[in-house]
Protein backbone atom coordinates (compact mmCIF):
# COMPACT_ATOMS: atom_id res chain seq x y z
CA MET A 1 -14.46 -30.27 -14.49
CA ALA A 2 -14.53 -26.59 -15.46
CA VAL A 3 -11.19 -24.94 -16.11
CA LEU A 4 -10.82 -21.38 -14.88
CA LYS A 5 -9.39 -19.09 -17.52
CA SER A 6 -6.71 -16.71 -16.34
CA ARG A 7 -6.48 -13.05 -17.18
CA MET A 8 -4.06 -10.33 -16.24
CA LEU A 9 -5.07 -8.61 -13.01
CA ARG A 10 -3.30 -5.30 -12.44
CA ILE A 11 -3.16 -3.83 -8.94
CA ILE A 12 -1.61 -0.44 -8.19
CA SER A 13 -0.70 0.98 -4.79
CA LEU A 14 -0.01 4.69 -4.31
CA ASN A 15 0.38 7.02 -1.35
CA LEU A 16 -1.18 10.24 -2.66
CA ASN A 17 0.12 12.65 0.00
CA GLY A 18 -3.27 14.33 -0.41
CA ILE A 19 -5.91 13.22 -2.91
CA ARG A 20 -6.68 16.79 -3.95
CA SER A 21 -3.03 17.51 -4.66
CA ALA A 22 -2.54 14.28 -6.62
CA TRP A 23 -5.79 14.89 -8.49
CA ASN A 24 -4.49 18.25 -9.69
CA LYS A 25 -1.32 16.50 -10.88
CA GLY A 26 -3.32 14.16 -13.13
CA VAL A 27 -3.48 10.93 -11.15
CA LEU A 28 -6.88 9.88 -12.55
CA PRO A 29 -5.96 10.36 -16.24
CA TRP A 30 -2.81 8.36 -15.56
CA VAL A 31 -4.81 5.55 -13.94
CA ALA A 32 -7.07 5.52 -17.00
CA THR A 33 -4.05 4.70 -19.19
CA GLN A 34 -2.94 1.77 -17.03
CA ALA A 35 -5.72 -0.76 -17.70
CA THR A 36 -5.74 -1.39 -13.98
CA ASP A 37 -8.32 -3.40 -12.08
CA VAL A 38 -7.72 -2.16 -8.53
CA VAL A 39 -6.00 0.96 -7.20
CA CYS A 40 -5.19 1.16 -3.49
CA LEU A 41 -4.74 4.70 -2.21
CA GLN A 42 -3.21 5.97 1.01
CA GLU A 43 -2.92 9.33 2.77
CA LEU A 44 -6.05 10.95 1.39
CA LYS A 45 -5.70 13.93 3.73
CA ALA A 46 -9.39 14.57 3.17
CA GLN A 47 -12.80 13.61 4.47
CA LEU A 48 -15.75 12.65 2.30
CA PRO A 49 -17.33 16.14 2.29
CA ASP A 50 -14.01 17.47 0.92
CA LEU A 51 -14.16 15.24 -2.16
CA THR A 52 -15.53 16.36 -5.49
CA THR A 53 -18.17 14.39 -7.35
CA ASP A 54 -15.47 13.07 -9.69
CA MET A 55 -13.40 11.85 -6.75
CA ILE A 56 -16.39 10.06 -5.24
CA SER A 57 -17.25 8.48 -8.61
CA PRO A 58 -14.04 8.42 -10.70
CA ASP A 59 -14.71 7.73 -14.35
CA GLY A 60 -14.97 4.00 -15.01
CA MET A 61 -14.22 3.03 -11.40
CA HIS A 62 -16.05 2.23 -8.19
CA ALA A 63 -14.60 4.16 -5.24
CA SER A 64 -14.57 3.31 -1.53
CA TYR A 65 -12.90 5.45 1.12
CA HIS A 66 -12.11 5.26 4.82
CA ALA A 67 -11.22 8.74 5.99
CA ALA A 68 -9.63 9.74 9.28
CA GLU A 69 -11.72 11.52 11.87
CA LYS A 70 -9.03 14.20 12.05
CA LYS A 71 -9.27 16.66 9.17
CA GLY A 72 -6.47 16.72 6.61
CA TYR A 73 -4.92 13.51 7.93
CA SER A 74 -4.30 9.94 6.83
CA GLY A 75 -7.19 8.08 5.14
CA VAL A 76 -7.24 5.24 2.59
CA GLY A 77 -9.24 4.33 -0.47
CA ILE A 78 -9.80 1.68 -3.13
CA TRP A 79 -10.79 2.24 -6.75
CA SER A 80 -11.87 -0.82 -8.70
CA ARG A 81 -13.31 -1.64 -12.12
CA ARG A 82 -15.52 -4.28 -10.52
CA LEU A 83 -17.99 -3.47 -7.77
CA PRO A 84 -16.73 -5.16 -4.58
CA ASP A 85 -18.87 -7.86 -3.03
CA ARG A 86 -18.07 -6.45 0.40
CA VAL A 87 -16.19 -3.48 1.83
CA VAL A 88 -14.89 -3.32 5.42
CA GLU A 89 -13.59 -0.15 7.06
CA GLY A 90 -11.03 -0.66 9.81
CA PHE A 91 -9.61 -3.80 11.42
CA GLY A 92 -11.32 -3.52 14.80
CA HIS A 93 -8.88 -1.30 16.67
CA GLY A 94 -10.43 1.95 17.85
CA GLU A 95 -7.30 4.09 17.98
CA PHE A 96 -6.17 3.32 14.47
CA ASP A 97 -9.55 2.84 12.83
CA ALA A 98 -10.22 6.46 13.81
CA GLU A 99 -7.13 7.38 11.78
CA GLY A 100 -8.44 5.76 8.58
CA ARG A 101 -5.65 3.27 8.00
CA TYR A 102 -7.38 0.11 6.70
CA LEU A 103 -9.90 -0.58 3.96
CA ARG A 104 -10.79 -4.06 2.72
CA ALA A 105 -12.60 -5.01 -0.48
CA ASP A 106 -13.64 -8.56 -1.41
CA PHE A 107 -13.97 -9.64 -5.04
CA GLY A 108 -15.09 -13.25 -5.22
CA ALA A 109 -12.29 -15.36 -3.73
CA LEU A 110 -9.86 -12.43 -3.73
CA THR A 111 -9.43 -9.76 -1.05
CA VAL A 112 -7.54 -6.53 -1.63
CA ILE A 113 -6.68 -4.27 1.31
CA SER A 114 -5.42 -0.69 1.26
CA LEU A 115 -3.21 -0.11 4.27
CA TYR A 116 -1.39 2.89 5.71
CA LEU A 117 0.88 2.19 8.66
CA PRO A 118 1.71 5.06 11.00
CA SER A 119 4.95 6.94 10.60
CA GLY A 120 7.04 7.43 13.70
CA SER A 121 9.39 10.05 12.31
CA SER A 122 7.65 13.15 13.64
CA SER A 123 8.03 12.48 17.38
CA PRO A 124 8.75 9.81 20.01
CA GLU A 125 5.02 9.76 20.75
CA ARG A 126 4.20 8.84 17.16
CA GLN A 127 6.87 6.14 17.19
CA GLU A 128 5.22 4.64 20.25
CA ALA A 129 1.90 4.77 18.39
CA LYS A 130 3.56 2.98 15.48
CA PHE A 131 4.76 0.22 17.81
CA ARG A 132 1.22 -0.09 19.21
CA PHE A 133 -0.07 -0.49 15.67
CA LEU A 134 2.47 -3.21 14.90
CA ASP A 135 1.51 -5.07 18.08
CA ALA A 136 -2.18 -4.87 17.22
CA PHE A 137 -1.86 -5.64 13.53
CA LEU A 138 0.30 -8.76 13.67
CA PRO A 139 -2.49 -10.95 15.13
CA HIS A 140 -4.90 -9.46 12.59
CA LEU A 141 -2.56 -10.58 9.80
CA ALA A 142 -2.48 -14.05 11.34
CA GLY A 143 -6.26 -14.07 11.39
CA LEU A 144 -6.43 -13.15 7.71
CA ARG A 145 -4.29 -16.18 6.88
CA THR A 146 -6.88 -18.47 8.50
CA GLU A 147 -9.65 -17.29 6.15
CA GLY A 148 -8.39 -19.44 3.30
CA ARG A 149 -8.73 -16.59 0.82
CA GLU A 150 -6.14 -15.09 -1.50
CA ILE A 151 -5.29 -11.65 -0.14
CA VAL A 152 -3.17 -8.73 -1.32
CA LEU A 153 -2.33 -6.01 1.22
CA CYS A 154 -1.24 -2.89 -0.64
CA GLY A 155 0.11 0.21 0.91
CA ASP A 156 2.61 2.42 2.59
CA TRP A 157 4.06 0.22 5.33
CA ASN A 158 6.54 2.91 6.46
CA ILE A 159 9.26 0.29 6.97
CA ALA A 160 12.22 -0.53 4.74
CA HIS A 161 12.86 -4.21 5.34
CA ARG A 162 16.42 -4.80 4.16
CA GLU A 163 19.58 -2.82 3.53
CA ILE A 164 18.93 -2.87 -0.24
CA ASP A 165 15.59 -1.18 0.38
CA LEU A 166 17.03 2.27 1.01
CA ARG A 167 19.96 4.27 -0.27
CA ASN A 168 21.55 5.37 3.01
CA TRP A 169 20.92 2.39 5.26
CA LYS A 170 23.98 2.85 7.48
CA SER A 171 22.98 6.33 8.62
CA ASN A 172 19.32 5.37 9.13
CA GLN A 173 19.69 2.43 11.49
CA LYS A 174 18.43 4.49 14.44
CA ASN A 175 15.70 6.27 12.48
CA SER A 176 12.01 5.41 12.26
CA GLY A 177 11.32 3.25 9.25
CA PHE A 178 14.55 1.27 9.56
CA LEU A 179 14.68 0.47 13.25
CA PRO A 180 15.69 -3.10 14.15
CA GLU A 181 12.32 -3.70 15.83
CA GLU A 182 10.41 -2.60 12.75
CA ARG A 183 12.51 -4.71 10.40
CA ALA A 184 12.14 -7.74 12.69
CA TRP A 185 8.37 -7.24 12.65
CA LEU A 186 8.34 -7.44 8.84
CA THR A 187 10.55 -10.51 8.98
CA GLU A 188 7.94 -12.14 11.22
CA VAL A 189 5.24 -11.20 8.70
CA PHE A 190 7.19 -12.91 5.92
CA ASP A 191 9.06 -15.77 7.57
CA GLY A 192 6.81 -16.38 10.56
CA GLN A 193 3.37 -16.01 9.01
CA GLY A 194 4.20 -16.85 5.41
CA TRP A 195 3.15 -13.65 3.66
CA VAL A 196 5.05 -12.85 0.46
CA ASP A 197 6.71 -9.58 -0.55
CA VAL A 198 5.56 -9.75 -4.17
CA TYR A 199 7.95 -7.19 -5.62
CA ARG A 200 10.91 -8.93 -3.98
CA ARG A 201 9.72 -12.29 -5.28
CA LEU A 202 10.09 -10.96 -8.82
CA HIS A 203 13.08 -8.66 -8.20
CA PRO A 204 15.09 -10.18 -5.35
CA ASP A 205 18.19 -8.03 -5.75
CA THR A 206 16.97 -4.72 -7.22
CA THR A 207 18.10 -1.61 -5.35
CA GLY A 208 17.56 1.91 -6.73
CA GLU A 209 14.80 0.93 -9.15
CA SER A 210 12.75 -0.39 -6.24
CA TYR A 211 12.50 2.84 -4.23
CA THR A 212 8.98 4.18 -3.80
CA TRP A 213 9.48 7.25 -1.57
CA TRP A 214 11.87 10.18 -1.55
CA SER A 215 12.21 12.93 1.03
CA ASN A 216 11.42 16.45 -0.11
CA ARG A 217 14.74 17.52 1.39
CA GLY A 218 18.22 17.62 -0.11
CA GLN A 219 17.31 16.83 -3.73
CA ALA A 220 16.51 13.25 -2.73
CA TRP A 221 14.41 12.64 -5.87
CA ALA A 222 17.03 14.06 -8.23
CA LYS A 223 19.77 12.00 -6.58
CA ASN A 224 17.54 8.93 -6.13
CA VAL A 225 18.14 8.85 -2.39
CA GLY A 226 15.03 6.80 -1.78
CA TRP A 227 13.34 4.19 0.37
CA ARG A 228 11.25 1.16 -0.58
CA ILE A 229 8.40 1.42 1.91
CA ASP A 230 5.38 0.72 -0.33
CA TYR A 231 4.57 -2.96 -0.75
CA GLN A 232 2.09 -5.44 -2.10
CA ILE A 233 2.24 -8.26 0.45
CA ALA A 234 0.20 -11.31 -0.47
CA THR A 235 -0.80 -14.86 0.37
CA PRO A 236 1.38 -17.42 -1.41
CA GLY A 237 -1.16 -18.47 -4.04
CA ILE A 238 -1.67 -15.11 -5.67
CA ALA A 239 1.96 -14.14 -5.02
CA GLU A 240 2.99 -17.08 -7.20
CA ALA A 241 0.71 -15.70 -9.92
CA ALA A 242 2.58 -12.37 -10.08
CA ARG A 243 4.14 -11.90 -13.50
CA ALA A 244 5.49 -8.34 -13.56
CA ALA A 245 6.17 -5.55 -11.08
CA PHE A 246 7.54 -2.06 -11.47
CA VAL A 247 7.65 1.34 -9.83
CA TYR A 248 6.28 4.05 -12.12
CA LYS A 249 8.48 7.15 -12.18
CA ASP A 250 7.73 8.90 -15.48
CA ALA A 251 5.37 11.33 -13.74
CA ARG A 252 5.10 12.39 -10.11
CA PHE A 253 1.78 12.56 -8.28
CA SER A 254 3.22 12.77 -4.74
CA ASP A 255 6.42 12.10 -2.81
CA HIS A 256 5.68 8.40 -3.38
CA ALA A 257 5.67 6.53 -6.70
CA PRO A 258 3.00 4.02 -7.77
CA LEU A 259 3.84 0.34 -7.30
CA VAL A 260 2.29 -1.62 -10.19
CA ILE A 261 2.01 -5.43 -10.16
CA ASP A 262 0.37 -7.73 -12.71
CA TYR A 263 -1.04 -11.10 -11.64
CA ASP A 264 -2.11 -13.98 -13.90
CA TRP A 265 -5.37 -14.59 -12.11
CA PRO A 266 -8.85 -16.00 -12.84
CA GLY A 267 -11.29 -13.17 -13.36
């Protein structure tokens, strides 16, 4: 019987808040130093004709993108050292597929998905759209579990799950991103469907070091008044293979910080 040799698989998730802005801040040279295998990107704020040749073919990486139909809005991408066996844009929901919120790449028995959940903070209408997304996406997550594959969903989920996941939880209980309904939805993802919050598996009690997003208001970054809203959520098998996880804060490419996780995985 052949024995599969393990290797370290590094996956990074990062909301760019605009690929062109992050590009000018050196995101690609930083990725090149990370020995990463897969990078999941969110909030491109660009369509394919807006991208430079280097963005379409980043040095040493294969790039796939799912842009929003609306210009300067949303959009997700995946960079990978290995050419994916299959790439799927969208999860079969017209309203949100048009917003460029889901991109799947299959690599052998492993699937990596870049995901960008809607934010509801700008208006009641967008909060209602966020709730529609949650209603539509939960059965999709259940369907993914039936595939029998190991899956990592990386992205900006726009929900802080627990009180330790944001600095000012008491004052945010009625705000989008920490509403009881949103938190209960994530609990169903974890406890009901069996998905694993990989960072929390490795760092169950970490507070300030776990934040991945800071408002541009009120010196939130300087005071570390942050939220943990970027996750790598995985099937149990590959979640158990996670060996290290950290949020990179030595340089800033956007209002989010990269979430880096290493997995001991056959490759």
